[in-house]
Amino acid sequence: MQTIQTIENTIKESLAVMVYFSAPTCHVCHALKPKLIDALNKNFKEFKVEIVDISIEKDIAPHFGVFTAPTVLIFLNGKEFLRKSRNMSVDEVIREIKRPYDIMTS
């Protein structure tokens, strides 16, 4: 079971983390998630992914200031780097992560 603490630990212990907030009734969430995870796996070797179902884990989303789905939070070196909600493209997310990630891993 996910908790705020397990996600915080993943963020603290990992170079790069995506926390993906979704809901069972969100069709965009289900279409976007596999594409985004696939793109992260292809482009970045160090990324960890945490998936949060906001209908089950009701305390996690507010802790991170998330109130809509889908929302993507990207953490680099333990700090929030990027926050995208609702309308986003996979290419846009990858493009915004690429340069800082490359600098961190070079």
N, C-alpha and C. Protein backbone atom coordinates (compact mmCIF):
# COMPACT_ATOMS: atom_id res chain seq x y z
N MET A 1 0.83 -1.20 0.00
CA MET A 1 0.00 0.00 0.00
C MET A 1 0.87 1.26 0.00
N GLN A 2 0.50 2.20 -0.83
CA GLN A 2 1.23 3.45 -0.88
C GLN A 2 0.83 4.36 0.27
N THR A 3 1.81 5.09 0.75
CA THR A 3 1.54 6.11 1.75
C THR A 3 2.32 7.35 1.35
N ILE A 4 2.01 8.45 2.00
CA ILE A 4 2.77 9.67 1.76
C ILE A 4 4.24 9.39 2.04
N GLN A 5 4.52 8.66 3.10
CA GLN A 5 5.90 8.39 3.50
C GLN A 5 6.64 7.54 2.47
N THR A 6 6.00 6.52 1.91
CA THR A 6 6.69 5.69 0.91
C THR A 6 7.02 6.50 -0.33
N ILE A 7 6.11 7.37 -0.74
CA ILE A 7 6.38 8.21 -1.91
C ILE A 7 7.48 9.22 -1.59
N GLU A 8 7.41 9.84 -0.43
CA GLU A 8 8.46 10.78 -0.01
C GLU A 8 9.82 10.09 0.02
N ASN A 9 9.87 8.85 0.51
CA ASN A 9 11.13 8.10 0.54
C ASN A 9 11.65 7.84 -0.86
N THR A 10 10.77 7.46 -1.78
CA THR A 10 11.18 7.24 -3.17
C THR A 10 11.76 8.53 -3.75
N ILE A 11 11.11 9.65 -3.50
CA ILE A 11 11.58 10.94 -4.01
C ILE A 11 12.95 11.28 -3.43
N LYS A 12 13.11 11.04 -2.13
CA LYS A 12 14.35 11.39 -1.45
C LYS A 12 15.51 10.49 -1.89
N GLU A 13 15.24 9.21 -2.15
CA GLU A 13 16.29 8.24 -2.43
C GLU A 13 16.61 8.08 -3.92
N SER A 14 15.83 8.70 -4.80
CA SER A 14 15.99 8.48 -6.24
C SER A 14 16.42 9.77 -6.94
N LEU A 15 17.15 9.59 -8.02
CA LEU A 15 17.60 10.72 -8.82
C LEU A 15 16.42 11.41 -9.50
N ALA A 16 15.52 10.62 -10.07
CA ALA A 16 14.40 11.17 -10.83
C ALA A 16 13.14 10.34 -10.56
N VAL A 17 12.03 11.02 -10.27
CA VAL A 17 10.78 10.34 -9.94
C VAL A 17 9.62 11.06 -10.63
N MET A 18 8.72 10.26 -11.19
CA MET A 18 7.45 10.78 -11.66
C MET A 18 6.36 10.23 -10.75
N VAL A 19 5.54 11.12 -10.21
CA VAL A 19 4.36 10.71 -9.46
C VAL A 19 3.17 11.04 -10.35
N TYR A 20 2.44 9.99 -10.72
CA TYR A 20 1.32 10.12 -11.65
C TYR A 20 0.01 9.93 -10.90
N PHE A 21 -0.81 10.97 -10.87
CA PHE A 21 -2.08 10.93 -10.16
C PHE A 21 -3.19 10.69 -11.17
N SER A 22 -3.99 9.65 -10.92
CA SER A 22 -5.08 9.32 -11.83
C SER A 22 -6.31 8.92 -11.04
N ALA A 23 -7.41 8.72 -11.77
CA ALA A 23 -8.66 8.29 -11.16
C ALA A 23 -9.32 7.28 -12.10
N PRO A 24 -10.09 6.34 -11.55
CA PRO A 24 -10.71 5.31 -12.37
C PRO A 24 -11.67 5.86 -13.43
N THR A 25 -12.30 6.99 -13.16
CA THR A 25 -13.25 7.57 -14.10
C THR A 25 -12.60 8.50 -15.12
N CYS A 26 -11.30 8.66 -15.05
CA CYS A 26 -10.57 9.58 -15.93
C CYS A 26 -10.05 8.82 -17.15
N HIS A 27 -10.69 9.01 -18.29
CA HIS A 27 -10.29 8.31 -19.51
C HIS A 27 -8.95 8.82 -20.04
N VAL A 28 -8.70 10.12 -19.89
CA VAL A 28 -7.42 10.68 -20.31
C VAL A 28 -6.28 10.05 -19.50
N CYS A 29 -6.51 9.84 -18.21
CA CYS A 29 -5.50 9.23 -17.34
C CYS A 29 -5.06 7.87 -17.88
N HIS A 30 -6.04 7.07 -18.26
CA HIS A 30 -5.75 5.71 -18.70
C HIS A 30 -5.09 5.68 -20.07
N ALA A 31 -5.39 6.65 -20.92
CA ALA A 31 -4.75 6.73 -22.24
C ALA A 31 -3.33 7.28 -22.13
N LEU A 32 -3.12 8.25 -21.26
CA LEU A 32 -1.83 8.92 -21.15
C LEU A 32 -0.79 8.10 -20.39
N LYS A 33 -1.21 7.42 -19.34
CA LYS A 33 -0.26 6.74 -18.45
C LYS A 33 0.69 5.78 -19.18
N PRO A 34 0.22 4.82 -19.98
CA PRO A 34 1.18 3.90 -20.61
C PRO A 34 2.12 4.59 -21.59
N LYS A 35 1.62 5.61 -22.28
CA LYS A 35 2.47 6.35 -23.23
C LYS A 35 3.57 7.11 -22.50
N LEU A 36 3.20 7.73 -21.39
CA LEU A 36 4.17 8.50 -20.62
C LEU A 36 5.22 7.59 -19.98
N ILE A 37 4.79 6.48 -19.41
CA ILE A 37 5.73 5.54 -18.79
C ILE A 37 6.66 4.96 -19.85
N ASP A 38 6.14 4.61 -21.00
CA ASP A 38 6.95 4.08 -22.09
C ASP A 38 8.00 5.11 -22.54
N ALA A 39 7.60 6.36 -22.68
CA ALA A 39 8.52 7.42 -23.10
C ALA A 39 9.61 7.64 -22.04
N LEU A 40 9.24 7.60 -20.77
CA LEU A 40 10.25 7.75 -19.71
C LEU A 40 11.25 6.60 -19.76
N ASN A 41 10.75 5.38 -19.92
CA ASN A 41 11.64 4.21 -19.98
C ASN A 41 12.58 4.27 -21.17
N LYS A 42 12.12 4.77 -22.29
CA LYS A 42 12.95 4.87 -23.49
C LYS A 42 14.00 5.97 -23.41
N ASN A 43 13.66 7.07 -22.74
CA ASN A 43 14.52 8.26 -22.75
C ASN A 43 15.38 8.45 -21.50
N PHE A 44 14.96 7.87 -20.38
CA PHE A 44 15.66 8.12 -19.12
C PHE A 44 15.78 6.82 -18.33
N LYS A 45 17.00 6.40 -18.06
CA LYS A 45 17.22 5.12 -17.38
C LYS A 45 16.96 5.18 -15.87
N GLU A 46 17.12 6.34 -15.29
CA GLU A 46 17.08 6.46 -13.82
C GLU A 46 15.71 6.78 -13.24
N PHE A 47 14.66 6.89 -14.04
CA PHE A 47 13.37 7.31 -13.53
C PHE A 47 12.65 6.23 -12.75
N LYS A 48 12.11 6.60 -11.59
CA LYS A 48 11.20 5.75 -10.82
C LYS A 48 9.80 6.34 -11.03
N VAL A 49 8.81 5.48 -11.04
CA VAL A 49 7.44 5.93 -11.26
C VAL A 49 6.56 5.47 -10.10
N GLU A 50 5.80 6.40 -9.57
CA GLU A 50 4.80 6.12 -8.54
C GLU A 50 3.44 6.48 -9.14
N ILE A 51 2.51 5.55 -9.08
CA ILE A 51 1.16 5.78 -9.58
C ILE A 51 0.22 5.91 -8.38
N VAL A 52 -0.53 6.99 -8.34
CA VAL A 52 -1.45 7.22 -7.23
C VAL A 52 -2.88 7.30 -7.78
N ASP A 53 -3.72 6.40 -7.31
CA ASP A 53 -5.15 6.43 -7.64
C ASP A 53 -5.81 7.33 -6.59
N ILE A 54 -6.24 8.51 -7.01
CA ILE A 54 -6.75 9.48 -6.03
C ILE A 54 -8.09 9.06 -5.42
N SER A 55 -8.75 8.06 -6.01
CA SER A 55 -10.00 7.59 -5.41
C SER A 55 -9.75 6.61 -4.26
N ILE A 56 -8.57 6.01 -4.22
CA ILE A 56 -8.22 5.06 -3.16
C ILE A 56 -7.34 5.72 -2.10
N GLU A 57 -6.28 6.34 -2.56
CA GLU A 57 -5.32 6.99 -1.65
C GLU A 57 -5.71 8.46 -1.50
N LYS A 58 -6.74 8.73 -0.73
CA LYS A 58 -7.33 10.06 -0.67
C LYS A 58 -6.47 11.12 0.04
N ASP A 59 -5.50 10.71 0.84
CA ASP A 59 -4.69 11.69 1.56
C ASP A 59 -3.43 12.10 0.80
N ILE A 60 -3.01 11.33 -0.20
CA ILE A 60 -1.75 11.59 -0.89
C ILE A 60 -1.84 12.82 -1.80
N ALA A 61 -2.89 12.89 -2.62
CA ALA A 61 -3.01 14.00 -3.57
C ALA A 61 -3.02 15.37 -2.87
N PRO A 62 -3.85 15.58 -1.85
CA PRO A 62 -3.82 16.89 -1.18
C PRO A 62 -2.47 17.21 -0.55
N HIS A 63 -1.77 16.19 -0.07
CA HIS A 63 -0.44 16.41 0.50
C HIS A 63 0.49 17.05 -0.52
N PHE A 64 0.35 16.65 -1.77
CA PHE A 64 1.19 17.18 -2.85
C PHE A 64 0.53 18.35 -3.58
N GLY A 65 -0.61 18.82 -3.09
CA GLY A 65 -1.29 19.94 -3.71
C GLY A 65 -1.93 19.59 -5.05
N VAL A 66 -2.36 18.34 -5.18
CA VAL A 66 -2.97 17.86 -6.43
C VAL A 66 -4.47 17.73 -6.22
N PHE A 67 -5.24 18.37 -7.11
CA PHE A 67 -6.69 18.36 -6.96
C PHE A 67 -7.41 18.00 -8.26
N THR A 68 -6.68 17.52 -9.25
CA THR A 68 -7.28 17.11 -10.51
C THR A 68 -6.49 15.96 -11.11
N ALA A 69 -7.14 15.21 -11.99
CA ALA A 69 -6.46 14.10 -12.65
C ALA A 69 -6.65 14.25 -14.16
N PRO A 70 -5.66 13.89 -14.94
CA PRO A 70 -4.34 13.44 -14.50
C PRO A 70 -3.45 14.62 -14.10
N THR A 71 -2.59 14.36 -13.16
CA THR A 71 -1.54 15.30 -12.79
C THR A 71 -0.23 14.53 -12.72
N VAL A 72 0.81 15.12 -13.27
CA VAL A 72 2.15 14.54 -13.27
C VAL A 72 3.06 15.47 -12.49
N LEU A 73 3.74 14.91 -11.50
CA LEU A 73 4.78 15.65 -10.78
C LEU A 73 6.11 14.98 -11.09
N ILE A 74 7.08 15.77 -11.48
CA ILE A 74 8.42 15.27 -11.75
C ILE A 74 9.35 15.84 -10.69
N PHE A 75 10.08 14.96 -10.03
CA PHE A 75 11.06 15.35 -9.02
C PHE A 75 12.46 14.98 -9.53
N LEU A 76 13.37 15.92 -9.48
CA LEU A 76 14.76 15.69 -9.83
C LEU A 76 15.60 16.03 -8.61
N ASN A 77 16.44 15.09 -8.20
CA ASN A 77 17.26 15.27 -7.00
C ASN A 77 16.44 15.67 -5.78
N GLY A 78 15.25 15.08 -5.64
CA GLY A 78 14.42 15.32 -4.47
C GLY A 78 13.60 16.59 -4.47
N LYS A 79 13.71 17.38 -5.54
CA LYS A 79 12.97 18.64 -5.60
C LYS A 79 11.97 18.60 -6.75
N GLU A 80 10.80 19.18 -6.51
CA GLU A 80 9.80 19.22 -7.57
C GLU A 80 10.33 20.10 -8.70
N PHE A 81 10.36 19.53 -9.89
CA PHE A 81 10.87 20.24 -11.06
C PHE A 81 9.75 20.63 -12.02
N LEU A 82 8.76 19.76 -12.16
CA LEU A 82 7.72 19.98 -13.16
C LEU A 82 6.38 19.50 -12.63
N ARG A 83 5.34 20.26 -12.94
CA ARG A 83 3.97 19.91 -12.55
C ARG A 83 3.09 20.18 -13.76
N LYS A 84 2.42 19.13 -14.22
CA LYS A 84 1.50 19.25 -15.35
C LYS A 84 0.17 18.62 -14.97
N SER A 85 -0.91 19.29 -15.33
CA SER A 85 -2.24 18.76 -15.06
C SER A 85 -3.10 18.84 -16.31
N ARG A 86 -4.01 17.88 -16.40
CA ARG A 86 -5.01 17.79 -17.46
C ARG A 86 -4.42 17.78 -18.86
N ASN A 87 -4.30 18.93 -19.49
CA ASN A 87 -3.88 18.97 -20.89
C ASN A 87 -2.37 18.99 -21.00
N MET A 88 -1.81 17.86 -21.40
CA MET A 88 -0.36 17.76 -21.58
C MET A 88 -0.10 16.73 -22.65
N SER A 89 1.04 16.86 -23.30
CA SER A 89 1.43 15.84 -24.26
C SER A 89 2.67 15.14 -23.73
N VAL A 90 2.85 13.91 -24.16
CA VAL A 90 4.02 13.13 -23.76
C VAL A 90 5.28 13.85 -24.22
N ASP A 91 5.29 14.31 -25.47
CA ASP A 91 6.47 15.00 -26.01
C ASP A 91 6.82 16.24 -25.20
N GLU A 92 5.81 16.96 -24.79
CA GLU A 92 6.03 18.18 -24.00
C GLU A 92 6.70 17.84 -22.66
N VAL A 93 6.23 16.81 -21.99
CA VAL A 93 6.80 16.41 -20.70
C VAL A 93 8.25 15.96 -20.90
N ILE A 94 8.49 15.11 -21.89
CA ILE A 94 9.85 14.60 -22.15
C ILE A 94 10.79 15.75 -22.49
N ARG A 95 10.34 16.66 -23.33
CA ARG A 95 11.17 17.80 -23.75
C ARG A 95 11.58 18.65 -22.55
N GLU A 96 10.65 18.87 -21.61
CA GLU A 96 10.96 19.71 -20.46
C GLU A 96 11.91 19.03 -19.46
N ILE A 97 11.91 17.71 -19.44
CA ILE A 97 12.77 16.97 -18.51
C ILE A 97 14.17 16.76 -19.09
N LYS A 98 14.28 16.63 -20.39
CA LYS A 98 15.51 16.14 -21.04
C LYS A 98 16.78 16.89 -20.64
N ARG A 99 16.79 18.18 -20.80
CA ARG A 99 18.03 18.93 -20.54
C ARG A 99 18.50 18.84 -19.09
N PRO A 100 17.65 19.13 -18.10
CA PRO A 100 18.14 19.02 -16.72
C PRO A 100 18.52 17.59 -16.35
N TYR A 101 17.79 16.61 -16.87
CA TYR A 101 18.11 15.21 -16.59
C TYR A 101 19.47 14.86 -17.18
N ASP A 102 19.72 15.27 -18.41
CA ASP A 102 21.02 15.00 -19.06
C ASP A 102 22.16 15.64 -18.29
N ILE A 103 21.95 16.85 -17.79
CA ILE A 103 22.99 17.53 -17.01
C ILE A 103 23.26 16.75 -15.72
N MET A 104 22.20 16.29 -15.06
CA MET A 104 22.36 15.57 -13.80
C MET A 104 23.07 14.23 -13.98
N THR A 105 22.88 13.59 -15.11
CA THR A 105 23.40 12.24 -15.31
C THR A 105 24.70 12.21 -16.13
N SER A 106 25.21 13.36 -16.52
CA SER A 106 26.44 13.36 -17.32
C SER A 106 27.68 13.45 -16.45
